[in-house]
Amino acid sequence: MPKFQRHVFVCTNERGPDDPRGSCTASGSEAVLDALREAASAAGLKRVVRVNKAGCLDQCAHGPVAVVYPEAVWYGGIQPEDAPEIVRAHLVGGTPVARLVIPDDKLTGKAPNPATPR
């Protein structure tokens, strides 16, 4: 069986309304997930690209958030109407949608410690 060309993980984490970090679900990520799935299917990408729900991706400040692998391109502030452009440009054409990409220096992850064995 062939592998998927790409995986798209959309944060659907939900926190309480009093949590200061907010959550992607409160920002509308479920609608983004549905729109990405519909656009990918309409583009004929079923079983070529997999669009999945994800738990917290630790990028709440940029929500709604999605990440595309294997390229590890992080998208933030996605709206449902952005889905066709992401599918057309990135998932079909291979070019990330620059206006939605979260710059590496704005991501909340940490670089690995070079002294830590892998």
PDB file of N, CA and C in Angstrom:
ATOM      1  N   MET A   1       0.841  -1.170   0.000  1.00  0.00           N
ATOM      2  CA  MET A   1       0.000   0.000   0.000  1.00  0.00           C
ATOM      3  C   MET A   1       0.897   1.248   0.000  1.00  0.00           C
ATOM      4  N   PRO A   2       0.638   2.197  -0.873  1.00  0.00           N
ATOM      5  CA  PRO A   2       1.444   3.427  -0.894  1.00  0.00           C
ATOM      6  C   PRO A   2       1.199   4.281   0.339  1.00  0.00           C
ATOM      7  N   LYS A   3       2.189   5.079   0.677  1.00  0.00           N
ATOM      8  CA  LYS A   3       2.082   6.001   1.801  1.00  0.00           C
ATOM      9  C   LYS A   3       1.358   7.263   1.354  1.00  0.00           C
ATOM     10  N   PHE A   4       0.806   7.983   2.334  1.00  0.00           N
ATOM     11  CA  PHE A   4       0.241   9.296   2.032  1.00  0.00           C
ATOM     12  C   PHE A   4       1.378  10.231   1.656  1.00  0.00           C
ATOM     13  N   GLN A   5       1.135  11.128   0.697  1.00  0.00           N
ATOM     14  CA  GLN A   5       2.146  12.119   0.336  1.00  0.00           C
ATOM     15  C   GLN A   5       2.322  13.147   1.437  1.00  0.00           C
ATOM     16  N   ARG A   6       1.225  13.504   2.073  1.00  0.00           N
ATOM     17  CA  ARG A   6       1.264  14.505   3.130  1.00  0.00           C
ATOM     18  C   ARG A   6       0.211  14.177   4.174  1.00  0.00           C
ATOM     19  N   HIS A   7       0.491  14.639   5.385  1.00  0.00           N
ATOM     20  CA  HIS A   7      -0.487  14.617   6.469  1.00  0.00           C
ATOM     21  C   HIS A   7      -0.708  16.055   6.911  1.00  0.00           C
ATOM     22  N   VAL A   8      -1.964  16.402   7.125  1.00  0.00           N
ATOM     23  CA  VAL A   8      -2.317  17.716   7.652  1.00  0.00           C
ATOM     24  C   VAL A   8      -2.970  17.471   9.007  1.00  0.00           C
ATOM     25  N   PHE A   9      -2.370  18.037  10.050  1.00  0.00           N
ATOM     26  CA  PHE A   9      -2.911  17.906  11.394  1.00  0.00           C
ATOM     27  C   PHE A   9      -3.501  19.260  11.808  1.00  0.00           C
ATOM     28  N   VAL A  10      -4.773  19.255  12.133  1.00  0.00           N
ATOM     29  CA  VAL A  10      -5.478  20.474  12.539  1.00  0.00           C
ATOM     30  C   VAL A  10      -5.776  20.362  14.029  1.00  0.00           C
ATOM     31  N   CYS A  11      -5.308  21.341  14.791  1.00  0.00           N
ATOM     32  CA  CYS A  11      -5.552  21.333  16.230  1.00  0.00           C
ATOM     33  C   CYS A  11      -7.040  21.485  16.499  1.00  0.00           C
ATOM     34  N   THR A  12      -7.568  20.556  17.280  1.00  0.00           N
ATOM     35  CA  THR A  12      -8.959  20.646  17.719  1.00  0.00           C
ATOM     36  C   THR A  12      -9.019  20.591  19.250  1.00  0.00           C
ATOM     37  N   ASN A  13      -7.943  21.030  19.878  1.00  0.00           N
ATOM     38  CA  ASN A  13      -7.895  21.054  21.334  1.00  0.00           C
ATOM     39  C   ASN A  13      -8.911  22.048  21.880  1.00  0.00           C
ATOM     40  N   GLU A  14      -9.529  21.660  22.975  1.00  0.00           N
ATOM     41  CA  GLU A  14     -10.535  22.533  23.588  1.00  0.00           C
ATOM     42  C   GLU A  14     -10.197  22.710  25.061  1.00  0.00           C
ATOM     43  N   ARG A  15     -10.155  23.954  25.479  1.00  0.00           N
ATOM     44  CA  ARG A  15      -9.949  24.298  26.882  1.00  0.00           C
ATOM     45  C   ARG A  15     -11.172  25.061  27.373  1.00  0.00           C
ATOM     46  N   GLY A  16     -11.262  25.187  28.674  1.00  0.00           N
ATOM     47  CA  GLY A  16     -12.365  25.941  29.269  1.00  0.00           C
ATOM     48  C   GLY A  16     -12.312  27.403  28.879  1.00  0.00           C
ATOM     49  N   PRO A  17     -13.437  28.072  28.890  1.00  0.00           N
ATOM     50  CA  PRO A  17     -13.489  29.480  28.474  1.00  0.00           C
ATOM     51  C   PRO A  17     -12.676  30.416  29.376  1.00  0.00           C
ATOM     52  N   ASP A  18     -12.346  29.967  30.575  1.00  0.00           N
ATOM     53  CA  ASP A  18     -11.576  30.809  31.489  1.00  0.00           C
ATOM     54  C   ASP A  18     -10.066  30.601  31.366  1.00  0.00           C
ATOM     55  N   ASP A  19      -9.642  29.681  30.491  1.00  0.00           N
ATOM     56  CA  ASP A  19      -8.209  29.426  30.322  1.00  0.00           C
ATOM     57  C   ASP A  19      -7.591  30.569  29.521  1.00  0.00           C
ATOM     58  N   PRO A  20      -6.569  31.241  30.059  1.00  0.00           N
ATOM     59  CA  PRO A  20      -5.985  32.392  29.360  1.00  0.00           C
ATOM     60  C   PRO A  20      -5.292  32.043  28.041  1.00  0.00           C
ATOM     61  N   ARG A  21      -4.943  30.765  27.861  1.00  0.00           N
ATOM     62  CA  ARG A  21      -4.288  30.374  26.612  1.00  0.00           C
ATOM     63  C   ARG A  21      -5.266  30.253  25.453  1.00  0.00           C
ATOM     64  N   GLY A  22      -6.539  30.151  25.768  1.00  0.00           N
ATOM     65  CA  GLY A  22      -7.522  29.938  24.708  1.00  0.00           C
ATOM     66  C   GLY A  22      -7.376  28.545  24.125  1.00  0.00           C
ATOM     67  N   SER A  23      -8.012  28.308  23.004  1.00  0.00           N
ATOM     68  CA  SER A  23      -7.887  27.016  22.323  1.00  0.00           C
ATOM     69  C   SER A  23      -8.244  27.182  20.858  1.00  0.00           C
ATOM     70  N   CYS A  24      -7.710  26.288  20.063  1.00  0.00           N
ATOM     71  CA  CYS A  24      -7.996  26.359  18.628  1.00  0.00           C
ATOM     72  C   CYS A  24      -9.466  26.083  18.336  1.00  0.00           C
ATOM     73  N   THR A  25     -10.091  25.201  19.107  1.00  0.00           N
ATOM     74  CA  THR A  25     -11.505  24.933  18.877  1.00  0.00           C
ATOM     75  C   THR A  25     -12.327  26.196  19.093  1.00  0.00           C
ATOM     76  N   ALA A  26     -12.000  26.946  20.139  1.00  0.00           N
ATOM     77  CA  ALA A  26     -12.719  28.202  20.393  1.00  0.00           C
ATOM     78  C   ALA A  26     -12.480  29.218  19.283  1.00  0.00           C
ATOM     79  N   SER A  27     -11.369  29.062  18.548  1.00  0.00           N
ATOM     80  CA  SER A  27     -11.054  29.964  17.431  1.00  0.00           C
ATOM     81  C   SER A  27     -11.668  29.506  16.120  1.00  0.00           C
ATOM     82  N   GLY A  28     -12.334  28.349  16.124  1.00  0.00           N
ATOM     83  CA  GLY A  28     -13.003  27.881  14.908  1.00  0.00           C
ATOM     84  C   GLY A  28     -12.304  26.767  14.158  1.00  0.00           C
ATOM     85  N   SER A  29     -11.457  25.990  14.843  1.00  0.00           N
ATOM     86  CA  SER A  29     -10.686  24.972  14.125  1.00  0.00           C
ATOM     87  C   SER A  29     -11.528  23.832  13.562  1.00  0.00           C
ATOM     88  N   GLU A  30     -12.666  23.534  14.163  1.00  0.00           N
ATOM     89  CA  GLU A  30     -13.514  22.454  13.616  1.00  0.00           C
ATOM     90  C   GLU A  30     -14.002  22.822  12.216  1.00  0.00           C
ATOM     91  N   ALA A  31     -14.365  24.073  12.007  1.00  0.00           N
ATOM     92  CA  ALA A  31     -14.796  24.526  10.675  1.00  0.00           C
ATOM     93  C   ALA A  31     -13.625  24.493   9.693  1.00  0.00           C
ATOM     94  N   VAL A  32     -12.432  24.825  10.174  1.00  0.00           N
ATOM     95  CA  VAL A  32     -11.233  24.758   9.329  1.00  0.00           C
ATOM     96  C   VAL A  32     -10.963  23.308   8.932  1.00  0.00           C
ATOM     97  N   LEU A  33     -11.058  22.397   9.899  1.00  0.00           N
ATOM     98  CA  LEU A  33     -10.860  20.966   9.618  1.00  0.00           C
ATOM     99  C   LEU A  33     -11.835  20.494   8.542  1.00  0.00           C
ATOM    100  N   ASP A  34     -13.107  20.817   8.712  1.00  0.00           N
ATOM    101  CA  ASP A  34     -14.116  20.410   7.724  1.00  0.00           C
ATOM    102  C   ASP A  34     -13.818  20.997   6.347  1.00  0.00           C
ATOM    103  N   ALA A  35     -13.436  22.263   6.304  1.00  0.00           N
ATOM    104  CA  ALA A  35     -13.158  22.927   5.027  1.00  0.00           C
ATOM    105  C   ALA A  35     -11.935  22.309   4.345  1.00  0.00           C
ATOM    106  N   LEU A  36     -10.896  21.996   5.115  1.00  0.00           N
ATOM    107  CA  LEU A  36      -9.709  21.362   4.528  1.00  0.00           C
ATOM    108  C   LEU A  36     -10.032  19.970   3.997  1.00  0.00           C
ATOM    109  N   ARG A  37     -10.820  19.223   4.740  1.00  0.00           N
ATOM    110  CA  ARG A  37     -11.219  17.881   4.270  1.00  0.00           C
ATOM    111  C   ARG A  37     -12.027  17.980   2.975  1.00  0.00           C
ATOM    112  N   GLU A  38     -12.971  18.903   2.946  1.00  0.00           N
ATOM    113  CA  GLU A  38     -13.806  19.069   1.745  1.00  0.00           C
ATOM    114  C   GLU A  38     -12.970  19.516   0.550  1.00  0.00           C
ATOM    115  N   ALA A  39     -12.075  20.469   0.755  1.00  0.00           N
ATOM    116  CA  ALA A  39     -11.247  20.978  -0.347  1.00  0.00           C
ATOM    117  C   ALA A  39     -10.286  19.902  -0.847  1.00  0.00           C
ATOM    118  N   ALA A  40      -9.720  19.122   0.060  1.00  0.00           N
ATOM    119  CA  ALA A  40      -8.808  18.047  -0.346  1.00  0.00           C
ATOM    120  C   ALA A  40      -9.560  16.981  -1.137  1.00  0.00           C
ATOM    121  N   SER A  41     -10.742  16.640  -0.688  1.00  0.00           N
ATOM    122  CA  SER A  41     -11.549  15.659  -1.411  1.00  0.00           C
ATOM    123  C   SER A  41     -11.932  16.177  -2.796  1.00  0.00           C
ATOM    124  N   ALA A  42     -12.355  17.437  -2.872  1.00  0.00           N
ATOM    125  CA  ALA A  42     -12.734  18.035  -4.156  1.00  0.00           C
ATOM    126  C   ALA A  42     -11.557  18.097  -5.123  1.00  0.00           C
ATOM    127  N   ALA A  43     -10.348  18.180  -4.575  1.00  0.00           N
ATOM    128  CA  ALA A  43      -9.145  18.233  -5.417  1.00  0.00           C
ATOM    129  C   ALA A  43      -8.652  16.840  -5.811  1.00  0.00           C
ATOM    130  N   GLY A  44      -9.387  15.808  -5.409  1.00  0.00           N
ATOM    131  CA  GLY A  44      -9.004  14.440  -5.763  1.00  0.00           C
ATOM    132  C   GLY A  44      -7.870  13.878  -4.931  1.00  0.00           C
ATOM    133  N   LEU A  45      -7.706  14.387  -3.711  1.00  0.00           N
ATOM    134  CA  LEU A  45      -6.583  13.969  -2.879  1.00  0.00           C
ATOM    135  C   LEU A  45      -6.935  12.883  -1.870  1.00  0.00           C
ATOM    136  N   LYS A  46      -8.126  12.331  -1.956  1.00  0.00           N
ATOM    137  CA  LYS A  46      -8.495  11.261  -1.033  1.00  0.00           C
ATOM    138  C   LYS A  46      -7.503  10.111  -1.187  1.00  0.00           C
ATOM    139  N   ARG A  47      -6.971   9.667  -0.077  1.00  0.00           N
ATOM    140  CA  ARG A  47      -5.971   8.595   0.006  1.00  0.00           C
ATOM    141  C   ARG A  47      -4.602   8.998  -0.535  1.00  0.00           C
ATOM    142  N   VAL A  48      -4.440  10.276  -0.829  1.00  0.00           N
ATOM    143  CA  VAL A  48      -3.143  10.833  -1.224  1.00  0.00           C
ATOM    144  C   VAL A  48      -2.646  11.731  -0.097  1.00  0.00           C
ATOM    145  N   VAL A  49      -3.571  12.537   0.433  1.00  0.00           N
ATOM    146  CA  VAL A  49      -3.298  13.428   1.557  1.00  0.00           C
ATOM    147  C   VAL A  49      -4.303  13.092   2.650  1.00  0.00           C
ATOM    148  N   ARG A  50      -3.823  13.029   3.859  1.00  0.00           N
ATOM    149  CA  ARG A  50      -4.702  12.734   4.997  1.00  0.00           C
ATOM    150  C   ARG A  50      -4.841  13.982   5.863  1.00  0.00           C
ATOM    151  N   VAL A  51      -6.079  14.422   6.088  1.00  0.00           N
ATOM    152  CA  VAL A  51      -6.359  15.563   6.954  1.00  0.00           C
ATOM    153  C   VAL A  51      -6.920  14.993   8.254  1.00  0.00           C
ATOM    154  N   ASN A  52      -6.183  15.216   9.346  1.00  0.00           N
ATOM    155  CA  ASN A  52      -6.524  14.626  10.636  1.00  0.00           C
ATOM    156  C   ASN A  52      -6.794  15.674  11.702  1.00  0.00           C
ATOM    157  N   LYS A  53      -7.623  15.289  12.676  1.00  0.00           N
ATOM    158  CA  LYS A  53      -7.746  16.050  13.912  1.00  0.00           C
ATOM    159  C   LYS A  53      -6.475  15.822  14.708  1.00  0.00           C
ATOM    160  N   ALA A  54      -6.089  16.823  15.477  1.00  0.00           N
ATOM    161  CA  ALA A  54      -4.964  16.675  16.393  1.00  0.00           C
ATOM    162  C   ALA A  54      -5.347  17.285  17.729  1.00  0.00           C
ATOM    163  N   GLY A  55      -4.696  16.808  18.758  1.00  0.00           N
ATOM    164  CA  GLY A  55      -4.818  17.445  20.057  1.00  0.00           C
ATOM    165  C   GLY A  55      -3.981  18.716  20.030  1.00  0.00           C
ATOM    166  N   CYS A  56      -3.660  19.212  21.196  1.00  0.00           N
ATOM    167  CA  CYS A  56      -2.928  20.461  21.298  1.00  0.00           C
ATOM    168  C   CYS A  56      -1.588  20.391  20.574  1.00  0.00           C
ATOM    169  N   LEU A  57      -1.330  21.391  19.753  1.00  0.00           N
ATOM    170  CA  LEU A  57      -0.062  21.492  19.022  1.00  0.00           C
ATOM    171  C   LEU A  57       0.839  22.570  19.621  1.00  0.00           C
ATOM    172  N   ASP A  58       0.469  23.089  20.785  1.00  0.00           N
ATOM    173  CA  ASP A  58       1.244  24.092  21.521  1.00  0.00           C
ATOM    174  C   ASP A  58       1.470  25.394  20.757  1.00  0.00           C
ATOM    175  N   GLN A  59       0.523  25.780  19.945  1.00  0.00           N
ATOM    176  CA  GLN A  59       0.628  27.043  19.206  1.00  0.00           C
ATOM    177  C   GLN A  59      -0.649  27.856  19.370  1.00  0.00           C
ATOM    178  N   CYS A  60      -1.230  27.813  20.556  1.00  0.00           N
ATOM    179  CA  CYS A  60      -2.539  28.421  20.813  1.00  0.00           C
ATOM    180  C   CYS A  60      -2.626  29.886  20.394  1.00  0.00           C
ATOM    181  N   ALA A  61      -1.559  30.612  20.586  1.00  0.00           N
ATOM    182  CA  ALA A  61      -1.574  32.045  20.269  1.00  0.00           C
ATOM    183  C   ALA A  61      -1.770  32.313  18.784  1.00  0.00           C
ATOM    184  N   HIS A  62      -1.570  31.289  17.962  1.00  0.00           N
ATOM    185  CA  HIS A  62      -1.676  31.449  16.514  1.00  0.00           C
ATOM    186  C   HIS A  62      -2.929  30.791  15.936  1.00  0.00           C
ATOM    187  N   GLY A  63      -3.864  30.356  16.783  1.00  0.00           N
ATOM    188  CA  GLY A  63      -4.976  29.542  16.339  1.00  0.00           C
ATOM    189  C   GLY A  63      -5.961  30.235  15.422  1.00  0.00           C
ATOM    190  N   PRO A  64      -6.717  29.431  14.710  1.00  0.00           N
ATOM    191  CA  PRO A  64      -6.608  28.000  14.504  1.00  0.00           C
ATOM    192  C   PRO A  64      -5.309  27.629  13.780  1.00  0.00           C
ATOM    193  N   VAL A  65      -4.774  26.482  14.167  1.00  0.00           N
ATOM    194  CA  VAL A  65      -3.459  26.060  13.708  1.00  0.00           C
ATOM    195  C   VAL A  65      -3.538  24.706  13.016  1.00  0.00           C
ATOM    196  N   ALA A  66      -2.679  24.542  12.001  1.00  0.00           N
ATOM    197  CA  ALA A  66      -2.492  23.246  11.344  1.00  0.00           C
ATOM    198  C   ALA A  66      -1.015  23.114  10.976  1.00  0.00           C
ATOM    199  N   VAL A  67      -0.560  21.885  10.865  1.00  0.00           N
ATOM    200  CA  VAL A  67       0.810  21.626  10.420  1.00  0.00           C
ATOM    201  C   VAL A  67       0.748  20.572   9.320  1.00  0.00           C
ATOM    202  N   VAL A  68       1.565  20.773   8.284  1.00  0.00           N
ATOM    203  CA  VAL A  68       1.613  19.853   7.143  1.00  0.00           C
ATOM    204  C   VAL A  68       2.949  19.126   7.171  1.00  0.00           C
ATOM    205  N   TYR A  69       2.880  17.808   7.203  1.00  0.00           N
ATOM    206  CA  TYR A  69       4.080  16.970   7.128  1.00  0.00           C
ATOM    207  C   TYR A  69       4.064  16.196   5.829  1.00  0.00           C
ATOM    208  N   PRO A  70       5.238  15.930   5.240  1.00  0.00           N
ATOM    209  CA  PRO A  70       6.543  15.870   5.879  1.00  0.00           C
ATOM    210  C   PRO A  70       7.305  17.192   5.908  1.00  0.00           C
ATOM    211  N   GLU A  71       6.772  18.258   5.344  1.00  0.00           N
ATOM    212  CA  GLU A  71       7.531  19.515   5.268  1.00  0.00           C
ATOM    213  C   GLU A  71       7.617  20.260   6.597  1.00  0.00           C
ATOM    214  N   ALA A  72       6.744  19.934   7.556  1.00  0.00           N
ATOM    215  CA  ALA A  72       6.665  20.628   8.841  1.00  0.00           C
ATOM    216  C   ALA A  72       6.380  22.116   8.643  1.00  0.00           C
ATOM    217  N   VAL A  73       5.408  22.414   7.785  1.00  0.00           N
ATOM    218  CA  VAL A  73       4.963  23.788   7.558  1.00  0.00           C
ATOM    219  C   VAL A  73       3.795  24.051   8.507  1.00  0.00           C
ATOM    220  N   TRP A  74       3.960  25.078   9.342  1.00  0.00           N
ATOM    221  CA  TRP A  74       2.961  25.445  10.332  1.00  0.00           C
ATOM    222  C   TRP A  74       2.133  26.617   9.812  1.00  0.00           C
ATOM    223  N   TYR A  75       0.814  26.450   9.872  1.00  0.00           N
ATOM    224  CA  TYR A  75      -0.113  27.499   9.474  1.00  0.00           C
ATOM    225  C   TYR A  75      -0.866  28.005  10.698  1.00  0.00           C
ATOM    226  N   GLY A  76      -1.084  29.306  10.759  1.00  0.00           N
ATOM    227  CA  GLY A  76      -1.823  29.888  11.865  1.00  0.00           C
ATOM    228  C   GLY A  76      -2.849  30.897  11.385  1.00  0.00           C
ATOM    229  N   GLY A  77      -3.852  31.101  12.222  1.00  0.00           N
ATOM    230  CA  GLY A  77      -4.910  32.045  11.885  1.00  0.00           C
ATOM    231  C   GLY A  77      -5.728  31.614  10.683  1.00  0.00           C
ATOM    232  N   ILE A  78      -5.803  30.321  10.456  1.00  0.00           N
ATOM    233  CA  ILE A  78      -6.517  29.791   9.283  1.00  0.00           C
ATOM    234  C   ILE A  78      -8.015  29.990   9.451  1.00  0.00           C
ATOM    235  N   GLN A  79      -8.648  30.379   8.377  1.00  0.00           N
ATOM    236  CA  GLN A  79     -10.105  30.489   8.319  1.00  0.00           C
ATOM    237  C   GLN A  79     -10.611  29.471   7.304  1.00  0.00           C
ATOM    238  N   PRO A  80     -11.857  29.035   7.416  1.00  0.00           N
ATOM    239  CA  PRO A  80     -12.371  28.054   6.464  1.00  0.00           C
ATOM    240  C   PRO A  80     -12.180  28.466   5.002  1.00  0.00           C
ATOM    241  N   GLU A  81     -12.305  29.768   4.734  1.00  0.00           N
ATOM    242  CA  GLU A  81     -12.159  30.227   3.340  1.00  0.00           C
ATOM    243  C   GLU A  81     -10.716  30.120   2.830  1.00  0.00           C
ATOM    244  N   ASP A  82      -9.748  29.862   3.717  1.00  0.00           N
ATOM    245  CA  ASP A  82      -8.354  29.664   3.301  1.00  0.00           C
ATOM    246  C   ASP A  82      -8.089  28.242   2.804  1.00  0.00           C
ATOM    247  N   ALA A  83      -8.979  27.327   3.118  1.00  0.00           N
ATOM    248  CA  ALA A  83      -8.755  25.917   2.800  1.00  0.00           C
ATOM    249  C   ALA A  83      -8.507  25.655   1.308  1.00  0.00           C
ATOM    250  N   PRO A  84      -9.317  26.180   0.397  1.00  0.00           N
ATOM    251  CA  PRO A  84      -9.047  25.898  -1.024  1.00  0.00           C
ATOM    252  C   PRO A  84      -7.659  26.377  -1.472  1.00  0.00           C
ATOM    253  N   GLU A  85      -7.216  27.517  -0.946  1.00  0.00           N
ATOM    254  CA  GLU A  85      -5.896  28.028  -1.311  1.00  0.00           C
ATOM    255  C   GLU A  85      -4.786  27.131  -0.762  1.00  0.00           C
ATOM    256  N   ILE A  86      -4.925  26.670   0.467  1.00  0.00           N
ATOM    257  CA  ILE A  86      -3.927  25.763   1.046  1.00  0.00           C
ATOM    258  C   ILE A  86      -3.861  24.470   0.241  1.00  0.00           C
ATOM    259  N   VAL A  87      -5.010  23.944  -0.102  1.00  0.00           N
ATOM    260  CA  VAL A  87      -5.043  22.698  -0.883  1.00  0.00           C
ATOM    261  C   VAL A  87      -4.434  22.920  -2.263  1.00  0.00           C
ATOM    262  N   ARG A  88      -4.863  23.951  -2.959  1.00  0.00           N
ATOM    263  CA  ARG A  88      -4.391  24.203  -4.323  1.00  0.00           C
ATOM    264  C   ARG A  88      -2.886  24.502  -4.348  1.00  0.00           C
ATOM    265  N   ALA A  89      -2.462  25.434  -3.513  1.00  0.00           N
ATOM    266  CA  ALA A  89      -1.063  25.872  -3.549  1.00  0.00           C
ATOM    267  C   ALA A  89      -0.116  24.857  -2.922  1.00  0.00           C
ATOM    268  N   HIS A  90      -0.435  24.380  -1.728  1.00  0.00           N
ATOM    269  CA  HIS A  90       0.500  23.546  -0.992  1.00  0.00           C
ATOM    270  C   HIS A  90       0.295  22.052  -1.238  1.00  0.00           C
ATOM    271  N   LEU A  91      -0.910  21.565  -1.003  1.00  0.00           N
ATOM    272  CA  LEU A  91      -1.121  20.122  -1.091  1.00  0.00           C
ATOM    273  C   LEU A  91      -1.063  19.598  -2.514  1.00  0.00           C
ATOM    274  N   VAL A  92      -1.474  20.405  -3.465  1.00  0.00           N
ATOM    275  CA  VAL A  92      -1.373  20.009  -4.877  1.00  0.00           C
ATOM    276  C   VAL A  92      -0.086  20.550  -5.498  1.00  0.00           C
ATOM    277  N   GLY A  93       0.163  21.850  -5.309  1.00  0.00           N
ATOM    278  CA  GLY A  93       1.280  22.508  -5.984  1.00  0.00           C
ATOM    279  C   GLY A  93       2.620  22.462  -5.277  1.00  0.00           C
ATOM    280  N   GLY A  94       2.623  22.117  -3.990  1.00  0.00           N
ATOM    281  CA  GLY A  94       3.878  22.027  -3.260  1.00  0.00           C
ATOM    282  C   GLY A  94       4.439  23.336  -2.735  1.00  0.00           C
ATOM    283  N   THR A  95       3.675  24.435  -2.864  1.00  0.00           N
ATOM    284  CA  THR A  95       4.149  25.744  -2.401  1.00  0.00           C
ATOM    285  C   THR A  95       3.306  26.199  -1.222  1.00  0.00           C
ATOM    286  N   PRO A  96       3.911  26.328  -0.034  1.00  0.00           N
ATOM    287  CA  PRO A  96       3.141  26.782   1.119  1.00  0.00           C
ATOM    288  C   PRO A  96       2.535  28.173   0.893  1.00  0.00           C
ATOM    289  N   VAL A  97       1.439  28.430   1.566  1.00  0.00           N
ATOM    290  CA  VAL A  97       0.753  29.716   1.490  1.00  0.00           C
ATOM    291  C   VAL A  97       1.449  30.645   2.490  1.00  0.00           C
ATOM    292  N   ALA A  98       2.350  31.473   1.988  1.00  0.00           N
ATOM    293  CA  ALA A  98       3.245  32.277   2.830  1.00  0.00           C
ATOM    294  C   ALA A  98       2.505  33.159   3.826  1.00  0.00           C
ATOM    295  N   ARG A  99       1.392  33.739   3.433  1.00  0.00           N
ATOM    296  CA  ARG A  99       0.698  34.669   4.325  1.00  0.00           C
ATOM    297  C   ARG A  99       0.117  33.983   5.561  1.00  0.00           C
ATOM    298  N   LEU A 100       0.008  32.659   5.539  1.00  0.00           N
ATOM    299  CA  LEU A 100      -0.541  31.918   6.676  1.00  0.00           C
ATOM    300  C   LEU A 100       0.511  31.143   7.458  1.00  0.00           C
ATOM    301  N   VAL A 101       1.733  31.103   6.943  1.00  0.00           N
ATOM    302  CA  VAL A 101       2.793  30.330   7.603  1.00  0.00           C
ATOM    303  C   VAL A 101       3.232  31.047   8.874  1.00  0.00           C
ATOM    304  N   ILE A 102       3.336  30.276   9.950  1.00  0.00           N
ATOM    305  CA  ILE A 102       3.884  30.813  11.195  1.00  0.00           C
ATOM    306  C   ILE A 102       5.404  30.749  11.057  1.00  0.00           C
ATOM    307  N   PRO A 103       6.080  31.885  11.151  1.00  0.00           N
ATOM    308  CA  PRO A 103       7.542  31.869  11.014  1.00  0.00           C
ATOM    309  C   PRO A 103       8.184  31.025  12.119  1.00  0.00           C
ATOM    310  N   ASP A 104       9.275  30.373  11.774  1.00  0.00           N
ATOM    311  CA  ASP A 104       9.953  29.500  12.737  1.00  0.00           C
ATOM    312  C   ASP A 104      10.252  30.206  14.051  1.00  0.00           C
ATOM    313  N   ASP A 105      10.625  31.475  13.990  1.00  0.00           N
ATOM    314  CA  ASP A 105      10.986  32.184  15.226  1.00  0.00           C
ATOM    315  C   ASP A 105       9.772  32.568  16.071  1.00  0.00           C
ATOM    316  N   LYS A 106       8.576  32.294  15.570  1.00  0.00           N
ATOM    317  CA  LYS A 106       7.352  32.574  16.330  1.00  0.00           C
ATOM    318  C   LYS A 106       6.731  31.303  16.911  1.00  0.00           C
ATOM    319  N   LEU A 107       7.239  30.130  16.515  1.00  0.00           N
ATOM    320  CA  LEU A 107       6.740  28.869  17.049  1.00  0.00           C
ATOM    321  C   LEU A 107       7.185  28.734  18.502  1.00  0.00           C
ATOM    322  N   THR A 108       6.405  28.013  19.295  1.00  0.00           N
ATOM    323  CA  THR A 108       6.698  27.919  20.719  1.00  0.00           C
ATOM    324  C   THR A 108       7.537  26.700  21.092  1.00  0.00           C
ATOM    325  N   GLY A 109       7.998  25.927  20.127  1.00  0.00           N
ATOM    326  CA  GLY A 109       8.835  24.766  20.415  1.00  0.00           C
ATOM    327  C   GLY A 109      10.241  25.194  20.797  1.00  0.00           C
ATOM    328  N   LYS A 110      11.032  24.242  21.256  1.00  0.00           N
ATOM    329  CA  LYS A 110      12.411  24.496  21.619  1.00  0.00           C
ATOM    330  C   LYS A 110      13.318  23.683  20.722  1.00  0.00           C
ATOM    331  N   ALA A 111      14.472  24.235  20.395  1.00  0.00           N
ATOM    332  CA  ALA A 111      15.471  23.474  19.660  1.00  0.00           C
ATOM    333  C   ALA A 111      16.005  22.384  20.572  1.00  0.00           C
ATOM    334  N   PRO A 112      16.315  21.214  20.016  1.00  0.00           N
ATOM    335  CA  PRO A 112      16.846  20.150  20.861  1.00  0.00           C
ATOM    336  C   PRO A 112      18.203  20.533  21.427  1.00  0.00           C
ATOM    337  N   ASN A 113      18.483  20.068  22.620  1.00  0.00           N
ATOM    338  CA  ASN A 113      19.765  20.282  23.254  1.00  0.00           C
ATOM    339  C   ASN A 113      20.785  19.382  22.568  1.00  0.00           C
ATOM    340  N   PRO A 114      21.848  19.939  21.989  1.00  0.00           N
ATOM    341  CA  PRO A 114      22.811  19.112  21.261  1.00  0.00           C
ATOM    342  C   PRO A 114      23.503  18.095  22.159  1.00  0.00           C
ATOM    343  N   ALA A 115      23.506  18.306  23.471  1.00  0.00           N
ATOM    344  CA  ALA A 115      24.135  17.367  24.383  1.00  0.00           C
ATOM    345  C   ALA A 115      23.253  16.175  24.698  1.00  0.00           C
ATOM    346  N   THR A 116      21.970  16.253  24.335  1.00  0.00           N
ATOM    347  CA  THR A 116      21.038  15.176  24.611  1.00  0.00           C
ATOM    348  C   THR A 116      21.137  14.119  23.516  1.00  0.00           C
ATOM    349  N   PRO A 117      21.414  12.863  23.892  1.00  0.00           N
ATOM    350  CA  PRO A 117      21.474  11.799  22.871  1.00  0.00           C
ATOM    351  C   PRO A 117      20.122  11.603  22.211  1.00  0.00           C
ATOM    352  N   ARG A 118      20.145  11.275  20.964  1.00  0.00           N
ATOM    353  CA  ARG A 118      18.895  11.035  20.224  1.00  0.00           C
ATOM    354  C   ARG A 118      18.580   9.593  20.153  1.00  0.00           C
TER     355      ARG A 118
END
